């Protein structure tokens, strides 16, 4: 079983709701910035919840917001730090 590590500043560990941590984890593991639709699909959260959680993560500087190159009305989100590698199991 793989261990998934979430990279968070210590003060935010208890402050963030589980859905916010889930969105951050998905973004940390993503190889490229994701749209709200992609995040909602991967997390099975409602799109409005994902929108609020992304806004919260941007406010904490844990996620950056980028305009889509193909459609200026859409944005993509990217974690500002990637997830650390899982610890050695051996």
PDB file of N, CA and C in Angstrom:
ATOM      1  N   UNK A   1       0.843  -1.183   0.000  1.00  0.00           N
ATOM      2  CA  UNK A   1       0.000   0.000   0.000  1.00  0.00           C
ATOM      3  C   UNK A   1       0.888   1.247   0.000  1.00  0.00           C
ATOM      4  N   UNK A   2       0.569   2.192  -0.862  1.00  0.00           N
ATOM      5  CA  UNK A   2       1.331   3.439  -0.942  1.00  0.00           C
ATOM      6  C   UNK A   2       0.911   4.392   0.160  1.00  0.00           C
ATOM      7  N   UNK A   3       1.893   5.084   0.708  1.00  0.00           N
ATOM      8  CA  UNK A   3       1.631   6.121   1.690  1.00  0.00           C
ATOM      9  C   UNK A   3       1.573   7.443   0.954  1.00  0.00           C
ATOM     10  N   UNK A   4       0.540   8.214   1.197  1.00  0.00           N
ATOM     11  CA  UNK A   4       0.379   9.508   0.545  1.00  0.00           C
ATOM     12  C   UNK A   4       0.664  10.584   1.574  1.00  0.00           C
ATOM     13  N   UNK A   5       1.620  11.453   1.263  1.00  0.00           N
ATOM     14  CA  UNK A   5       2.002  12.507   2.193  1.00  0.00           C
ATOM     15  C   UNK A   5       1.467  13.844   1.700  1.00  0.00           C
ATOM     16  N   UNK A   6       0.860  14.571   2.594  1.00  0.00           N
ATOM     17  CA  UNK A   6       0.338  15.897   2.288  1.00  0.00           C
ATOM     18  C   UNK A   6       1.285  16.921   2.875  1.00  0.00           C
ATOM     19  N   UNK A   7       1.762  17.830   2.056  1.00  0.00           N
ATOM     20  CA  UNK A   7       2.710  18.842   2.499  1.00  0.00           C
ATOM     21  C   UNK A   7       1.941  20.094   2.898  1.00  0.00           C
ATOM     22  N   UNK A   8       1.921  20.370   4.214  1.00  0.00           N
ATOM     23  CA  UNK A   8       1.194  21.520   4.751  1.00  0.00           C
ATOM     24  C   UNK A   8       2.026  22.208   5.817  1.00  0.00           C
ATOM     25  N   UNK A   9       1.953  23.534   5.899  1.00  0.00           N
ATOM     26  CA  UNK A   9       2.579  24.206   7.035  1.00  0.00           C
ATOM     27  C   UNK A   9       1.916  23.727   8.326  1.00  0.00           C
ATOM     28  N   UNK A  10       2.693  23.595   9.393  1.00  0.00           N
ATOM     29  CA  UNK A  10       2.181  23.049  10.652  1.00  0.00           C
ATOM     30  C   UNK A  10       0.927  23.735  11.163  1.00  0.00           C
ATOM     31  N   UNK A  11       0.866  25.049  11.100  1.00  0.00           N
ATOM     32  CA  UNK A  11      -0.276  25.786  11.633  1.00  0.00           C
ATOM     33  C   UNK A  11      -1.581  25.521  10.903  1.00  0.00           C
ATOM     34  N   UNK A  12      -1.502  25.039   9.664  1.00  0.00           N
ATOM     35  CA  UNK A  12      -2.712  24.817   8.877  1.00  0.00           C
ATOM     36  C   UNK A  12      -3.236  23.392   8.972  1.00  0.00           C
ATOM     37  N   UNK A  13      -2.466  22.484   9.514  1.00  0.00           N
ATOM     38  CA  UNK A  13      -2.867  21.075   9.550  1.00  0.00           C
ATOM     39  C   UNK A  13      -4.238  20.879  10.170  1.00  0.00           C
ATOM     40  N   UNK A  14      -4.500  21.513  11.278  1.00  0.00           N
ATOM     41  CA  UNK A  14      -5.772  21.338  11.960  1.00  0.00           C
ATOM     42  C   UNK A  14      -6.836  22.310  11.458  1.00  0.00           C
ATOM     43  N   UNK A  15      -6.415  23.412  10.870  1.00  0.00           N
ATOM     44  CA  UNK A  15      -7.353  24.459  10.470  1.00  0.00           C
ATOM     45  C   UNK A  15      -8.129  24.137   9.196  1.00  0.00           C
ATOM     46  N   UNK A  16      -7.546  23.384   8.307  1.00  0.00           N
ATOM     47  CA  UNK A  16      -8.193  23.130   7.017  1.00  0.00           C
ATOM     48  C   UNK A  16      -9.162  21.958   7.105  1.00  0.00           C
ATOM     49  N   UNK A  17     -10.348  22.107   6.506  1.00  0.00           N
ATOM     50  CA  UNK A  17     -11.296  20.988   6.491  1.00  0.00           C
ATOM     51  C   UNK A  17     -10.780  19.848   5.603  1.00  0.00           C
ATOM     52  N   UNK A  18     -11.277  18.633   5.824  1.00  0.00           N
ATOM     53  CA  UNK A  18     -10.816  17.481   5.033  1.00  0.00           C
ATOM     54  C   UNK A  18     -10.970  17.675   3.526  1.00  0.00           C
ATOM     55  N   UNK A  19     -12.036  18.328   3.086  1.00  0.00           N
ATOM     56  CA  UNK A  19     -12.218  18.515   1.642  1.00  0.00           C
ATOM     57  C   UNK A  19     -11.132  19.415   1.055  1.00  0.00           C
ATOM     58  N   UNK A  20     -10.674  20.390   1.819  1.00  0.00           N
ATOM     59  CA  UNK A  20      -9.593  21.264   1.355  1.00  0.00           C
ATOM     60  C   UNK A  20      -8.294  20.483   1.252  1.00  0.00           C
ATOM     61  N   UNK A  21      -8.045  19.642   2.244  1.00  0.00           N
ATOM     62  CA  UNK A  21      -6.841  18.813   2.211  1.00  0.00           C
ATOM     63  C   UNK A  21      -6.874  17.847   1.025  1.00  0.00           C
ATOM     64  N   UNK A  22      -8.039  17.320   0.722  1.00  0.00           N
ATOM     65  CA  UNK A  22      -8.180  16.410  -0.420  1.00  0.00           C
ATOM     66  C   UNK A  22      -7.872  17.134  -1.729  1.00  0.00           C
ATOM     67  N   UNK A  23      -8.411  18.331  -1.901  1.00  0.00           N
ATOM     68  CA  UNK A  23      -8.148  19.120  -3.116  1.00  0.00           C
ATOM     69  C   UNK A  23      -6.653  19.407  -3.225  1.00  0.00           C
ATOM     70  N   UNK A  24      -6.033  19.782  -2.126  1.00  0.00           N
ATOM     71  CA  UNK A  24      -4.600  20.073  -2.145  1.00  0.00           C
ATOM     72  C   UNK A  24      -3.802  18.825  -2.509  1.00  0.00           C
ATOM     73  N   UNK A  25      -4.159  17.702  -1.951  1.00  0.00           N
ATOM     74  CA  UNK A  25      -3.456  16.460  -2.256  1.00  0.00           C
ATOM     75  C   UNK A  25      -3.546  16.125  -3.750  1.00  0.00           C
ATOM     76  N   UNK A  26      -4.729  16.273  -4.315  1.00  0.00           N
ATOM     77  CA  UNK A  26      -4.912  16.016  -5.746  1.00  0.00           C
ATOM     78  C   UNK A  26      -4.024  16.948  -6.570  1.00  0.00           C
ATOM     79  N   UNK A  27      -3.967  18.215  -6.187  1.00  0.00           N
ATOM     80  CA  UNK A  27      -3.153  19.182  -6.929  1.00  0.00           C
ATOM     81  C   UNK A  27      -1.663  18.919  -6.747  1.00  0.00           C
ATOM     82  N   UNK A  28      -1.255  18.475  -5.553  1.00  0.00           N
ATOM     83  CA  UNK A  28       0.158  18.174  -5.331  1.00  0.00           C
ATOM     84  C   UNK A  28       0.607  16.972  -6.161  1.00  0.00           C
ATOM     85  N   UNK A  29      -0.292  16.043  -6.384  1.00  0.00           N
ATOM     86  CA  UNK A  29       0.069  14.846  -7.147  1.00  0.00           C
ATOM     87  C   UNK A  29      -0.068  15.036  -8.664  1.00  0.00           C
ATOM     88  N   UNK A  30      -0.771  16.073  -9.076  1.00  0.00           N
ATOM     89  CA  UNK A  30      -0.998  16.313 -10.504  1.00  0.00           C
ATOM     90  C   UNK A  30       0.297  16.744 -11.188  1.00  0.00           C
ATOM     91  N   UNK A  31       0.484  16.260 -12.392  1.00  0.00           N
ATOM     92  CA  UNK A  31       1.680  16.617 -13.154  1.00  0.00           C
ATOM     93  C   UNK A  31       1.540  17.965 -13.857  1.00  0.00           C
ATOM     94  N   UNK A  32       0.301  18.438 -13.988  1.00  0.00           N
ATOM     95  CA  UNK A  32       0.053  19.720 -14.647  1.00  0.00           C
ATOM     96  C   UNK A  32      -1.108  20.409 -13.938  1.00  0.00           C
ATOM     97  N   UNK A  33      -1.287  21.714 -14.145  1.00  0.00           N
ATOM     98  CA  UNK A  33      -2.415  22.409 -13.518  1.00  0.00           C
ATOM     99  C   UNK A  33      -3.752  21.788 -13.931  1.00  0.00           C
ATOM    100  N   UNK A  34      -4.718  21.799 -13.016  1.00  0.00           N
ATOM    101  CA  UNK A  34      -6.022  21.184 -13.256  1.00  0.00           C
ATOM    102  C   UNK A  34      -7.136  22.221 -13.224  1.00  0.00           C
ATOM    103  N   UNK A  35      -8.178  21.972 -14.013  1.00  0.00           N
ATOM    104  CA  UNK A  35      -9.371  22.822 -13.987  1.00  0.00           C
ATOM    105  C   UNK A  35     -10.253  22.416 -12.817  1.00  0.00           C
ATOM    106  N   UNK A  36     -11.234  23.269 -12.508  1.00  0.00           N
ATOM    107  CA  UNK A  36     -12.200  22.927 -11.459  1.00  0.00           C
ATOM    108  C   UNK A  36     -12.923  21.625 -11.786  1.00  0.00           C
ATOM    109  N   UNK A  37     -13.295  21.445 -13.055  1.00  0.00           N
ATOM    110  CA  UNK A  37     -13.983  20.213 -13.463  1.00  0.00           C
ATOM    111  C   UNK A  37     -13.117  18.984 -13.209  1.00  0.00           C
ATOM    112  N   UNK A  38     -11.843  19.068 -13.545  1.00  0.00           N
ATOM    113  CA  UNK A  38     -10.944  17.928 -13.353  1.00  0.00           C
ATOM    114  C   UNK A  38     -10.777  17.611 -11.869  1.00  0.00           C
ATOM    115  N   UNK A  39     -10.655  18.655 -11.049  1.00  0.00           N
ATOM    116  CA  UNK A  39     -10.517  18.441  -9.604  1.00  0.00           C
ATOM    117  C   UNK A  39     -11.800  17.831  -9.044  1.00  0.00           C
ATOM    118  N   UNK A  40     -12.941  18.339  -9.470  1.00  0.00           N
ATOM    119  CA  UNK A  40     -14.229  17.816  -8.996  1.00  0.00           C
ATOM    120  C   UNK A  40     -14.384  16.345  -9.373  1.00  0.00           C
ATOM    121  N   UNK A  41     -13.971  15.988 -10.563  1.00  0.00           N
ATOM    122  CA  UNK A  41     -14.061  14.598 -11.012  1.00  0.00           C
ATOM    123  C   UNK A  41     -13.159  13.699 -10.171  1.00  0.00           C
ATOM    124  N   UNK A  42     -11.945  14.136  -9.936  1.00  0.00           N
ATOM    125  CA  UNK A  42     -10.981  13.310  -9.192  1.00  0.00           C
ATOM    126  C   UNK A  42     -11.332  13.185  -7.713  1.00  0.00           C
ATOM    127  N   UNK A  43     -11.992  14.193  -7.156  1.00  0.00           N
ATOM    128  CA  UNK A  43     -12.309  14.166  -5.723  1.00  0.00           C
ATOM    129  C   UNK A  43     -13.731  13.707  -5.436  1.00  0.00           C
ATOM    130  N   UNK A  44     -14.590  13.705  -6.450  1.00  0.00           N
ATOM    131  CA  UNK A  44     -16.026  13.405  -6.291  1.00  0.00           C
ATOM    132  C   UNK A  44     -16.716  14.443  -5.403  1.00  0.00           C
ATOM    133  N   UNK A  45     -16.164  15.647  -5.365  1.00  0.00           N
ATOM    134  CA  UNK A  45     -16.781  16.755  -4.634  1.00  0.00           C
ATOM    135  C   UNK A  45     -17.585  17.610  -5.605  1.00  0.00           C
ATOM    136  N   UNK A  46     -18.635  18.275  -5.113  1.00  0.00           N
ATOM    137  CA  UNK A  46     -19.375  19.198  -5.983  1.00  0.00           C
ATOM    138  C   UNK A  46     -18.453  20.319  -6.479  1.00  0.00           C
ATOM    139  N   UNK A  47     -18.709  20.779  -7.689  1.00  0.00           N
ATOM    140  CA  UNK A  47     -17.860  21.813  -8.291  1.00  0.00           C
ATOM    141  C   UNK A  47     -17.807  23.083  -7.438  1.00  0.00           C
ATOM    142  N   UNK A  48     -18.922  23.471  -6.840  1.00  0.00           N
ATOM    143  CA  UNK A  48     -18.926  24.674  -6.000  1.00  0.00           C
ATOM    144  C   UNK A  48     -18.041  24.493  -4.769  1.00  0.00           C
ATOM    145  N   UNK A  49     -18.042  23.305  -4.197  1.00  0.00           N
ATOM    146  CA  UNK A  49     -17.154  23.020  -3.062  1.00  0.00           C
ATOM    147  C   UNK A  49     -15.702  23.123  -3.501  1.00  0.00           C
ATOM    148  N   UNK A  50     -15.390  22.564  -4.660  1.00  0.00           N
ATOM    149  CA  UNK A  50     -14.028  22.630  -5.190  1.00  0.00           C
ATOM    150  C   UNK A  50     -13.631  24.087  -5.419  1.00  0.00           C
ATOM    151  N   UNK A  51     -14.546  24.891  -5.955  1.00  0.00           N
ATOM    152  CA  UNK A  51     -14.267  26.308  -6.194  1.00  0.00           C
ATOM    153  C   UNK A  51     -13.916  27.021  -4.881  1.00  0.00           C
ATOM    154  N   UNK A  52     -14.701  26.766  -3.828  1.00  0.00           N
ATOM    155  CA  UNK A  52     -14.433  27.403  -2.520  1.00  0.00           C
ATOM    156  C   UNK A  52     -13.112  26.917  -1.924  1.00  0.00           C
ATOM    157  N   UNK A  53     -12.861  25.635  -2.039  1.00  0.00           N
ATOM    158  CA  UNK A  53     -11.619  25.073  -1.481  1.00  0.00           C
ATOM    159  C   UNK A  53     -10.397  25.604  -2.221  1.00  0.00           C
ATOM    160  N   UNK A  54     -10.484  25.721  -3.534  1.00  0.00           N
ATOM    161  CA  UNK A  54      -9.367  26.285  -4.304  1.00  0.00           C
ATOM    162  C   UNK A  54      -9.124  27.746  -3.917  1.00  0.00           C
ATOM    163  N   UNK A  55     -10.202  28.486  -3.738  1.00  0.00           N
ATOM    164  CA  UNK A  55     -10.067  29.888  -3.321  1.00  0.00           C
ATOM    165  C   UNK A  55      -9.337  29.960  -1.971  1.00  0.00           C
ATOM    166  N   UNK A  56      -9.720  29.088  -1.050  1.00  0.00           N
ATOM    167  CA  UNK A  56      -9.086  29.053   0.268  1.00  0.00           C
ATOM    168  C   UNK A  56      -7.601  28.699   0.158  1.00  0.00           C
ATOM    169  N   UNK A  57      -7.276  27.743  -0.676  1.00  0.00           N
ATOM    170  CA  UNK A  57      -5.880  27.339  -0.850  1.00  0.00           C
ATOM    171  C   UNK A  57      -5.051  28.438  -1.509  1.00  0.00           C
ATOM    172  N   UNK A  58      -5.643  29.169  -2.444  1.00  0.00           N
ATOM    173  CA  UNK A  58      -4.949  30.304  -3.067  1.00  0.00           C
ATOM    174  C   UNK A  58      -4.671  31.375  -2.004  1.00  0.00           C
ATOM    175  N   UNK A  59      -5.647  31.640  -1.127  1.00  0.00           N
ATOM    176  CA  UNK A  59      -5.469  32.638  -0.063  1.00  0.00           C
ATOM    177  C   UNK A  59      -4.331  32.254   0.880  1.00  0.00           C
ATOM    178  N   UNK A  60      -4.114  30.962   1.087  1.00  0.00           N
ATOM    179  CA  UNK A  60      -3.036  30.478   1.959  1.00  0.00           C
ATOM    180  C   UNK A  60      -1.721  30.285   1.196  1.00  0.00           C
ATOM    181  N   UNK A  61      -1.703  30.668  -0.082  1.00  0.00           N
ATOM    182  CA  UNK A  61      -0.516  30.524  -0.945  1.00  0.00           C
ATOM    183  C   UNK A  61      -0.058  29.077  -1.088  1.00  0.00           C
ATOM    184  N   UNK A  62      -0.986  28.135  -0.981  1.00  0.00           N
ATOM    185  CA  UNK A  62      -0.661  26.729  -1.175  1.00  0.00           C
ATOM    186  C   UNK A  62      -0.933  26.292  -2.607  1.00  0.00           C
ATOM    187  N   UNK A  63      -1.727  27.105  -3.319  1.00  0.00           N
ATOM    188  CA  UNK A  63      -2.117  26.822  -4.697  1.00  0.00           C
ATOM    189  C   UNK A  63      -2.046  28.122  -5.489  1.00  0.00           C
ATOM    190  N   UNK A  64      -1.613  28.012  -6.734  1.00  0.00           N
ATOM    191  CA  UNK A  64      -1.607  29.186  -7.610  1.00  0.00           C
ATOM    192  C   UNK A  64      -2.665  28.997  -8.689  1.00  0.00           C
ATOM    193  N   UNK A  65      -3.163  30.109  -9.177  1.00  0.00           N
ATOM    194  CA  UNK A  65      -4.252  30.136 -10.154  1.00  0.00           C
ATOM    195  C   UNK A  65      -3.683  30.647 -11.478  1.00  0.00           C
ATOM    196  N   UNK A  66      -3.968  29.927 -12.563  1.00  0.00           N
ATOM    197  CA  UNK A  66      -3.424  30.279 -13.878  1.00  0.00           C
ATOM    198  C   UNK A  66      -4.544  30.331 -14.909  1.00  0.00           C
ATOM    199  N   UNK A  67      -4.561  31.351 -15.758  1.00  0.00           N
ATOM    200  CA  UNK A  67      -5.571  31.374 -16.824  1.00  0.00           C
ATOM    201  C   UNK A  67      -5.300  30.253 -17.824  1.00  0.00           C
ATOM    202  N   UNK A  68      -6.361  29.713 -18.356  1.00  0.00           N
ATOM    203  CA  UNK A  68      -6.239  28.678 -19.382  1.00  0.00           C
ATOM    204  C   UNK A  68      -5.748  29.323 -20.671  1.00  0.00           C
ATOM    205  N   UNK A  69      -4.826  28.668 -21.345  1.00  0.00           N
ATOM    206  CA  UNK A  69      -4.306  29.202 -22.603  1.00  0.00           C
ATOM    207  C   UNK A  69      -5.321  29.068 -23.730  1.00  0.00           C
ATOM    208  N   UNK A  70      -6.205  28.079 -23.624  1.00  0.00           N
ATOM    209  CA  UNK A  70      -7.165  27.845 -24.699  1.00  0.00           C
ATOM    210  C   UNK A  70      -8.483  28.593 -24.509  1.00  0.00           C
ATOM    211  N   UNK A  71      -8.798  28.988 -23.271  1.00  0.00           N
ATOM    212  CA  UNK A  71     -10.066  29.672 -22.989  1.00  0.00           C
ATOM    213  C   UNK A  71      -9.861  30.606 -21.805  1.00  0.00           C
ATOM    214  N   UNK A  72      -9.827  31.903 -22.057  1.00  0.00           N
ATOM    215  CA  UNK A  72      -9.529  32.896 -21.028  1.00  0.00           C
ATOM    216  C   UNK A  72     -10.556  32.920 -19.897  1.00  0.00           C
ATOM    217  N   UNK A  73     -11.732  32.344 -20.109  1.00  0.00           N
ATOM    218  CA  UNK A  73     -12.753  32.311 -19.062  1.00  0.00           C
ATOM    219  C   UNK A  73     -12.489  31.220 -18.032  1.00  0.00           C
ATOM    220  N   UNK A  74     -11.646  30.281 -18.382  1.00  0.00           N
ATOM    221  CA  UNK A  74     -11.365  29.162 -17.488  1.00  0.00           C
ATOM    222  C   UNK A  74     -10.020  29.366 -16.800  1.00  0.00           C
ATOM    223  N   UNK A  75      -9.898  28.803 -15.623  1.00  0.00           N
ATOM    224  CA  UNK A  75      -8.626  28.855 -14.900  1.00  0.00           C
ATOM    225  C   UNK A  75      -8.200  27.443 -14.532  1.00  0.00           C
ATOM    226  N   UNK A  76      -6.928  27.317 -14.289  1.00  0.00           N
ATOM    227  CA  UNK A  76      -6.347  26.058 -13.842  1.00  0.00           C
ATOM    228  C   UNK A  76      -5.628  26.322 -12.523  1.00  0.00           C
ATOM    229  N   UNK A  77      -5.539  25.297 -11.706  1.00  0.00           N
ATOM    230  CA  UNK A  77      -4.923  25.424 -10.400  1.00  0.00           C
ATOM    231  C   UNK A  77      -3.748  24.469 -10.285  1.00  0.00           C
ATOM    232  N   UNK A  78      -2.706  24.936  -9.597  1.00  0.00           N
ATOM    233  CA  UNK A  78      -1.494  24.139  -9.411  1.00  0.00           C
ATOM    234  C   UNK A  78      -0.996  24.339  -7.984  1.00  0.00           C
ATOM    235  N   UNK A  79      -0.595  23.258  -7.343  1.00  0.00           N
ATOM    236  CA  UNK A  79      -0.014  23.364  -6.006  1.00  0.00           C
ATOM    237  C   UNK A  79       1.305  24.120  -6.099  1.00  0.00           C
ATOM    238  N   UNK A  80       1.562  24.968  -5.113  1.00  0.00           N
ATOM    239  CA  UNK A  80       2.814  25.720  -5.127  1.00  0.00           C
ATOM    240  C   UNK A  80       3.982  24.854  -4.687  1.00  0.00           C
ATOM    241  N   UNK A  81       3.685  23.755  -3.984  1.00  0.00           N
ATOM    242  CA  UNK A  81       4.704  22.788  -3.588  1.00  0.00           C
ATOM    243  C   UNK A  81       4.188  21.404  -3.948  1.00  0.00           C
ATOM    244  N   UNK A  82       5.066  20.551  -4.394  1.00  0.00           N
ATOM    245  CA  UNK A  82       4.641  19.199  -4.724  1.00  0.00           C
ATOM    246  C   UNK A  82       4.687  18.318  -3.479  1.00  0.00           C
ATOM    247  N   UNK A  83       3.989  17.226  -3.529  1.00  0.00           N
ATOM    248  CA  UNK A  83       3.975  16.289  -2.405  1.00  0.00           C
ATOM    249  C   UNK A  83       5.345  15.658  -2.259  1.00  0.00           C
ATOM    250  N   UNK A  84       5.792  15.456  -1.028  1.00  0.00           N
ATOM    251  CA  UNK A  84       7.093  14.791  -0.828  1.00  0.00           C
ATOM    252  C   UNK A  84       6.972  13.317  -1.203  1.00  0.00           C
ATOM    253  N   UNK A  85       8.081  12.677  -1.543  1.00  0.00           N
ATOM    254  CA  UNK A  85       8.014  11.260  -1.884  1.00  0.00           C
ATOM    255  C   UNK A  85       7.618  10.438  -0.661  1.00  0.00           C
ATOM    256  N   UNK A  86       6.986   9.293  -0.861  1.00  0.00           N
ATOM    257  CA  UNK A  86       6.610   8.457   0.284  1.00  0.00           C
ATOM    258  C   UNK A  86       7.861   7.952   0.999  1.00  0.00           C
ATOM    259  N   UNK A  87       7.771   7.724   2.301  1.00  0.00           N
ATOM    260  CA  UNK A  87       8.934   7.228   3.042  1.00  0.00           C
ATOM    261  C   UNK A  87       9.292   5.804   2.608  1.00  0.00           C
ATOM    262  N   UNK A  88      10.557   5.446   2.773  1.00  0.00           N
ATOM    263  CA  UNK A  88      10.988   4.086   2.442  1.00  0.00           C
ATOM    264  C   UNK A  88      10.280   3.091   3.335  1.00  0.00           C
ATOM    265  N   UNK A  89       9.839   1.993   2.742  1.00  0.00           N
ATOM    266  CA  UNK A  89       9.136   0.979   3.528  1.00  0.00           C
ATOM    267  C   UNK A  89      10.072  -0.153   3.941  1.00  0.00           C
ATOM    268  N   UNK A  90      11.324  -0.050   3.568  1.00  0.00           N
ATOM    269  CA  UNK A  90      12.218  -1.159   3.878  1.00  0.00           C
ATOM    270  C   UNK A  90      13.314  -0.770   4.710  1.00  0.00           C
TER     271      UNK A  90
END
